[in-house]
Amino acid sequence: MAKQVKLGKTELFVNPIGLGTNAVGGHNIYPNLSEEVGKDVVRTAIENGINFLDTAFIYGPERSEELIGEVIKEKGCRSEMVIATKGAHKILPGNQIIKDNSPGFLKQCVEDSLKRLQTDYIDLFYIHFPDEDTPKYEAVGALKELKDQGKIKAIGVSNFSIEQLKEANQDGYVDVLQSEYNLFKRQAEKDLLPYTAENQISFVPYFPLAAGLLGGKYTKDTTFQDGRAKNPMFQGEQFEKNLEKVDQLKQIAETKNVETAHLVLAWYLSVDSIDALIPGAKKPEQVVNNLKTLDVQLTKEEIQKISNIFQ
């Protein structure tokens, strides 16, 4: 069993390697998903000591939460798990989706998630995206009421700019920020990461492997049929330059006898205020593989060297 770490100033203790579950019932994100395989992914995580599961209303929509709820009930392990979910998407007639952070809507989101997850509390509830209108401290204030009632244990925000984060945290209620961060996209180091470190807010990075680019499995002949086909990071000269950087990572990984992806994930865990990671998995064996990150020990020199490759 991995040594558990505390998420920021919360009372939540997690295995530093969690599981992102947008491929568990996330039919609107990945075509042709098998729900049974998705449930096996969650079962495998639980059986291998992962206790931090990250889901959201919009994965499915709704289906990811439902499947996780079913597996946790089947396993009878609710008290050992730390479940994070997110809300803010409102689906209007005609399937138009808007973002809503109004206190009433967020409270309804939490009630609905509780039902889908078949639980009476959510460990960590995030406002998934900011809306245009709601003052962020009012949105967080609604979650604080739910926290006081015991319906949620910790308050998170996701995809907030530094200004929105400061506004949301004006009463010190924000526990966790989830935001995009990886070796290719390091903008968070300018303002978000210094702020989270200073305010004991745990920073959970998403897209940590940059859609697989940092996993070290692509070559310049790799072609993509999905969203990556239109992403500049995966095109032409930019793609080749990115692969050159990843090759330097591979060399470090080889000297340590570890996989490139594990080296990268271990590097994030060395960053101040990053306590835990939530790599995704489409297959059970990927879940087990992600856990190898915990065996990687990095020296200060190696941490600096990796950082320098991606300056």
Protein backbone atom coordinates (compact mmCIF):
# COMPACT_ATOMS: atom_id res chain seq x y z
CA MET A 1 0.00 0.00 0.00
CA ALA A 2 1.24 3.45 -0.90
CA LYS A 3 1.76 5.93 1.89
CA GLN A 4 -1.24 8.26 1.82
CA VAL A 5 -0.80 12.02 1.57
CA LYS A 6 -3.04 14.82 2.78
CA LEU A 7 -4.68 17.00 0.13
CA GLY A 8 -3.69 20.54 1.07
CA LYS A 9 -5.46 21.75 4.20
CA THR A 10 -8.31 19.23 3.94
CA GLU A 11 -8.79 16.14 6.11
CA LEU A 12 -8.68 13.93 3.01
CA PHE A 13 -5.87 11.38 2.75
CA VAL A 14 -5.18 9.81 -0.63
CA ASN A 15 -2.83 7.55 -2.51
CA PRO A 16 -0.80 10.13 -4.52
CA ILE A 17 -1.79 8.24 -7.69
CA GLY A 18 -5.54 8.50 -8.19
CA LEU A 19 -7.72 7.65 -11.17
CA GLY A 20 -9.32 10.04 -13.64
CA THR A 21 -12.53 8.39 -14.85
CA ASN A 22 -13.67 10.22 -17.96
CA ALA A 23 -13.28 6.89 -19.81
CA VAL A 24 -15.61 5.18 -17.33
CA GLY A 25 -19.03 5.74 -18.90
CA GLY A 26 -17.83 8.90 -20.66
CA HIS A 27 -19.70 8.06 -23.86
CA ASN A 28 -19.76 11.72 -24.94
CA ILE A 29 -15.94 11.86 -24.68
CA TYR A 30 -14.85 8.52 -26.13
CA PRO A 31 -16.90 6.59 -28.69
CA ASN A 32 -17.38 2.82 -28.28
CA LEU A 33 -16.69 2.57 -24.55
CA SER A 34 -17.57 -0.67 -22.81
CA GLU A 35 -19.23 0.04 -19.47
CA GLU A 36 -18.12 -3.35 -18.13
CA VAL A 37 -14.48 -2.53 -18.92
CA GLY A 38 -15.03 0.86 -17.27
CA LYS A 39 -16.28 -0.82 -14.11
CA ASP A 40 -13.29 -3.19 -14.22
CA VAL A 41 -10.99 -0.16 -14.37
CA VAL A 42 -12.56 1.14 -11.14
CA ARG A 43 -12.47 -2.30 -9.49
CA THR A 44 -8.80 -2.70 -10.40
CA ALA A 45 -8.00 0.72 -8.93
CA ILE A 46 -9.70 -0.16 -5.63
CA GLU A 47 -8.08 -3.61 -5.48
CA ASN A 48 -4.63 -2.05 -5.97
CA GLY A 49 -4.88 0.56 -3.24
CA ILE A 50 -6.04 3.57 -5.27
CA ASN A 51 -8.60 5.44 -3.17
CA PHE A 52 -8.86 8.79 -5.03
CA LEU A 53 -11.38 8.73 -7.88
CA ASP A 54 -12.06 11.79 -10.02
CA THR A 55 -15.32 12.02 -11.97
CA ALA A 56 -17.83 14.66 -13.11
CA PHE A 57 -21.47 15.10 -14.06
CA ILE A 58 -20.50 15.83 -17.67
CA TYR A 59 -18.69 12.49 -18.16
CA GLY A 60 -21.46 10.58 -19.88
CA PRO A 61 -23.24 12.85 -18.96
CA GLU A 62 -24.12 11.28 -15.58
CA ARG A 63 -23.01 7.78 -16.48
CA SER A 64 -19.50 7.90 -15.00
CA GLU A 65 -20.86 8.81 -11.56
CA GLU A 66 -23.48 6.05 -11.79
CA LEU A 67 -20.95 3.34 -12.68
CA ILE A 68 -18.57 4.42 -9.91
CA GLY A 69 -21.47 4.38 -7.46
CA GLU A 70 -22.32 0.82 -8.51
CA VAL A 71 -18.75 -0.46 -8.09
CA ILE A 72 -18.23 1.17 -4.70
CA LYS A 73 -21.51 -0.25 -3.47
CA GLU A 74 -20.57 -3.70 -4.78
CA LYS A 75 -17.15 -3.48 -3.07
CA GLY A 76 -18.57 -2.06 0.17
CA CYS A 77 -15.62 0.29 0.48
CA ARG A 78 -17.21 3.76 0.60
CA SER A 79 -15.50 4.83 3.84
CA GLU A 80 -12.03 4.10 2.42
CA MET A 81 -12.59 6.07 -0.79
CA VAL A 82 -12.10 9.75 -1.59
CA ILE A 83 -14.55 10.60 -4.37
CA ALA A 84 -14.17 13.85 -6.27
CA THR A 85 -16.85 15.00 -8.69
CA LYS A 86 -17.68 18.21 -10.49
CA GLY A 87 -20.70 20.21 -11.60
CA ALA A 88 -21.47 23.44 -13.49
CA HIS A 89 -22.82 22.21 -16.83
CA LYS A 90 -26.53 22.79 -17.31
CA ILE A 91 -28.19 20.99 -20.21
CA LEU A 92 -31.00 23.07 -21.72
CA PRO A 93 -33.79 21.86 -24.03
CA GLY A 94 -32.35 21.01 -27.43
CA ASN A 95 -29.19 19.73 -25.72
CA GLN A 96 -27.62 23.18 -25.47
CA ILE A 97 -25.04 23.17 -22.67
CA ILE A 98 -24.30 26.26 -20.58
CA LYS A 99 -22.19 26.82 -17.45
CA ASP A 100 -24.01 27.81 -14.26
CA ASN A 101 -22.33 28.59 -10.90
CA SER A 102 -25.42 30.02 -9.20
CA PRO A 103 -25.78 28.83 -5.59
CA GLY A 104 -29.14 27.15 -6.26
CA PHE A 105 -27.86 25.24 -9.26
CA LEU A 106 -24.66 24.07 -7.55
CA LYS A 107 -26.65 22.80 -4.57
CA GLN A 108 -28.89 20.87 -6.97
CA CYS A 109 -25.78 19.47 -8.72
CA VAL A 110 -24.51 18.11 -5.42
CA GLU A 111 -27.88 16.51 -4.56
CA ASP A 112 -28.03 14.87 -8.00
CA SER A 113 -24.43 13.60 -7.77
CA LEU A 114 -25.13 12.11 -4.33
CA LYS A 115 -27.96 10.06 -5.85
CA ARG A 116 -25.92 8.87 -8.83
CA LEU A 117 -22.97 7.94 -6.62
CA GLN A 118 -25.33 6.24 -4.11
CA THR A 119 -23.71 8.01 -1.18
CA ASP A 120 -24.66 10.56 1.46
CA TYR A 121 -21.51 12.68 1.16
CA ILE A 122 -19.00 13.68 -1.53
CA ASP A 123 -15.40 14.02 -0.41
CA LEU A 124 -14.44 16.75 -2.86
CA PHE A 125 -16.88 18.74 -5.00
CA TYR A 126 -15.52 21.04 -7.70
CA ILE A 127 -17.14 23.86 -9.62
CA HIS A 128 -16.14 22.37 -12.98
CA PHE A 129 -15.97 25.60 -15.01
CA PRO A 130 -16.57 29.24 -14.15
CA ASP A 131 -19.70 30.91 -15.53
CA GLU A 132 -19.83 34.54 -16.66
CA ASP A 133 -22.22 35.97 -14.08
CA THR A 134 -21.97 34.48 -10.60
CA PRO A 135 -19.56 36.15 -8.15
CA LYS A 136 -17.16 33.32 -7.38
CA TYR A 137 -17.25 33.82 -3.58
CA GLU A 138 -21.05 33.37 -3.73
CA ALA A 139 -20.66 30.12 -5.65
CA VAL A 140 -18.09 28.85 -3.13
CA GLY A 141 -20.27 30.14 -0.28
CA ALA A 142 -23.04 27.77 -1.41
CA LEU A 143 -20.59 24.87 -1.26
CA LYS A 144 -19.45 26.00 2.20
CA GLU A 145 -23.08 25.64 3.39
CA LEU A 146 -23.13 22.08 2.05
CA LYS A 147 -19.78 21.41 3.72
CA ASP A 148 -21.21 22.63 7.04
CA GLN A 149 -24.12 20.22 6.52
CA GLY A 150 -21.71 17.31 5.93
CA LYS A 151 -22.81 16.77 2.33
CA ILE A 152 -19.35 17.56 1.01
CA LYS A 153 -16.00 17.34 2.81
CA ALA A 154 -13.90 19.70 0.68
CA ILE A 155 -14.42 22.49 -1.86
CA GLY A 156 -12.73 22.59 -5.25
CA VAL A 157 -12.71 24.81 -8.29
CA SER A 158 -11.55 23.83 -11.76
CA ASN A 159 -10.46 25.83 -14.82
CA PHE A 160 -10.47 29.11 -12.84
CA SER A 161 -8.12 31.94 -13.80
CA ILE A 162 -5.96 33.44 -11.04
CA GLU A 163 -8.45 36.33 -10.70
CA GLN A 164 -11.39 33.95 -10.38
CA LEU A 165 -9.47 31.80 -7.91
CA LYS A 166 -8.65 34.79 -5.70
CA GLU A 167 -12.28 35.91 -5.79
CA ALA A 168 -13.48 32.38 -5.00
CA ASN A 169 -11.03 32.10 -2.11
CA GLN A 170 -11.64 35.49 -0.51
CA ASP A 171 -12.93 33.76 2.65
CA GLY A 172 -10.28 31.03 2.49
CA TYR A 173 -12.80 28.29 1.64
CA VAL A 174 -11.16 26.82 -1.48
CA ASP A 175 -9.34 23.55 -0.74
CA VAL A 176 -8.35 22.28 -4.19
CA LEU A 177 -7.73 23.72 -7.65
CA GLN A 178 -7.80 21.48 -10.70
CA SER A 179 -6.19 23.01 -13.75
CA GLU A 180 -4.28 22.12 -16.89
CA TYR A 181 -0.58 21.67 -16.28
CA ASN A 182 2.09 19.58 -17.90
CA LEU A 183 5.71 19.90 -19.00
CA PHE A 184 4.60 21.47 -22.29
CA LYS A 185 2.04 23.81 -20.71
CA ARG A 186 3.62 25.46 -17.70
CA GLN A 187 1.64 28.72 -17.52
CA ALA A 188 0.35 27.67 -14.07
CA GLU A 189 3.86 28.26 -12.70
CA LYS A 190 3.45 32.02 -13.26
CA ASP A 191 0.52 32.63 -10.94
CA LEU A 192 -1.67 29.64 -10.03
CA LEU A 193 0.98 27.41 -8.46
CA PRO A 194 2.58 30.16 -6.34
CA TYR A 195 -0.91 31.13 -5.10
CA THR A 196 -1.96 27.56 -4.27
CA ALA A 197 1.33 26.92 -2.45
CA GLU A 198 0.94 30.10 -0.40
CA ASN A 199 -2.70 29.36 0.50
CA GLN A 200 -2.39 25.61 1.24
CA ILE A 201 -4.61 24.82 -1.72
CA SER A 202 -3.86 21.45 -3.31
CA PHE A 203 -3.22 21.70 -7.07
CA VAL A 204 -4.43 18.73 -9.13
CA PRO A 205 -3.12 18.89 -12.71
CA TYR A 206 -5.14 17.51 -15.59
CA PHE A 207 -3.78 16.38 -19.00
CA PRO A 208 -0.52 15.53 -17.17
CA LEU A 209 0.75 13.46 -20.10
CA ALA A 210 -0.34 16.02 -22.74
CA ALA A 211 -2.74 13.64 -24.52
CA GLY A 212 -0.10 10.91 -24.46
CA LEU A 213 2.71 13.01 -25.93
CA LEU A 214 4.73 12.78 -22.71
CA GLY A 215 4.26 9.01 -22.53
CA GLY A 216 7.13 8.49 -24.96
CA LYS A 217 5.26 6.11 -27.28
CA TYR A 218 4.88 8.36 -30.37
CA THR A 219 7.28 8.78 -33.29
CA LYS A 220 7.24 11.37 -36.07
CA ASP A 221 5.35 8.83 -38.21
CA THR A 222 2.50 8.47 -35.69
CA THR A 223 -0.82 9.69 -37.13
CA PHE A 224 -3.89 10.69 -35.17
CA GLN A 225 -7.58 10.28 -35.99
CA ASP A 226 -9.02 12.12 -32.95
CA GLY A 227 -8.82 15.68 -31.59
CA ARG A 228 -5.03 15.45 -31.68
CA ALA A 229 -5.12 15.60 -35.48
CA LYS A 230 -6.07 19.31 -35.22
CA ASN A 231 -3.84 20.14 -32.24
CA PRO A 232 -0.73 22.17 -33.23
CA MET A 233 1.33 20.25 -30.64
CA PHE A 234 0.88 17.16 -32.84
CA GLN A 235 1.58 18.78 -36.21
CA GLY A 236 4.60 19.33 -38.42
CA GLU A 237 7.69 21.00 -37.07
CA GLN A 238 6.13 21.62 -33.64
CA PHE A 239 5.42 17.89 -33.25
CA GLU A 240 9.02 17.02 -34.20
CA LYS A 241 10.45 19.54 -31.72
CA ASN A 242 8.18 18.15 -29.00
CA LEU A 243 9.33 14.61 -29.76
CA GLU A 244 12.97 15.71 -29.45
CA LYS A 245 12.24 16.92 -25.92
CA VAL A 246 10.47 13.68 -25.08
CA ASP A 247 13.51 11.76 -26.39
CA GLN A 248 15.65 13.52 -23.80
CA LEU A 249 13.18 12.39 -21.14
CA LYS A 250 13.36 8.84 -22.46
CA GLN A 251 17.12 8.85 -21.99
CA ILE A 252 16.75 9.86 -18.33
CA ALA A 253 14.03 7.22 -17.86
CA GLU A 254 16.26 4.54 -19.38
CA THR A 255 19.15 5.32 -17.02
CA LYS A 256 16.69 4.86 -14.13
CA ASN A 257 15.08 1.78 -15.65
CA VAL A 258 11.59 3.31 -15.56
CA GLU A 259 8.99 4.25 -18.17
CA THR A 260 8.92 7.80 -19.50
CA ALA A 261 5.34 8.35 -18.32
CA HIS A 262 6.27 7.36 -14.75
CA LEU A 263 9.25 9.72 -14.79
CA VAL A 264 6.99 12.59 -15.86
CA LEU A 265 4.31 11.84 -13.28
CA ALA A 266 6.94 11.58 -10.54
CA TRP A 267 8.27 15.00 -11.60
CA TYR A 268 4.83 16.58 -10.98
CA LEU A 269 4.74 15.11 -7.49
CA SER A 270 7.95 17.03 -6.77
CA VAL A 271 6.17 20.36 -7.46
CA ASP A 272 5.10 22.40 -4.45
CA SER A 273 1.31 22.09 -3.76
CA ILE A 274 0.85 19.11 -6.09
CA ASP A 275 -0.09 16.32 -3.67
CA ALA A 276 -1.81 13.84 -5.97
CA LEU A 277 -2.32 13.03 -9.65
CA ILE A 278 -5.31 11.58 -11.49
CA PRO A 279 -4.03 9.87 -14.65
CA GLY A 280 -6.85 8.32 -16.66
CA ALA A 281 -7.10 4.73 -17.81
CA LYS A 282 -9.19 2.98 -20.44
CA LYS A 283 -8.05 -0.51 -19.46
CA PRO A 284 -7.44 -2.20 -16.10
CA GLU A 285 -3.77 -2.89 -16.90
CA GLN A 286 -3.16 0.87 -17.37
CA VAL A 287 -4.35 1.46 -13.80
CA VAL A 288 -1.78 -0.97 -12.42
CA ASN A 289 0.89 0.53 -14.66
CA ASN A 290 0.20 4.10 -13.44
CA LEU A 291 1.02 2.98 -9.90
CA LYS A 292 4.64 2.30 -10.87
CA THR A 293 5.11 6.08 -10.65
CA LEU A 294 5.34 5.65 -6.89
CA ASP A 295 8.56 3.64 -7.28
CA VAL A 296 10.39 6.47 -9.09
CA GLN A 297 12.81 8.44 -6.90
CA LEU A 298 14.14 11.68 -8.42
CA THR A 299 17.22 13.56 -7.24
CA LYS A 300 17.22 17.37 -7.12
CA GLU A 301 19.55 17.33 -10.15
CA GLU A 302 17.16 15.14 -12.14
CA ILE A 303 14.19 17.33 -11.24
CA GLN A 304 16.11 20.38 -12.47
CA LYS A 305 17.31 18.61 -15.62
CA ILE A 306 13.74 17.63 -16.60
CA SER A 307 12.56 21.16 -15.92
CA ASN A 308 15.33 22.60 -18.13
CA ILE A 309 14.41 20.41 -21.13
CA PHE A 310 10.99 22.07 -21.18
CA GLN A 311 11.92 25.68 -20.34
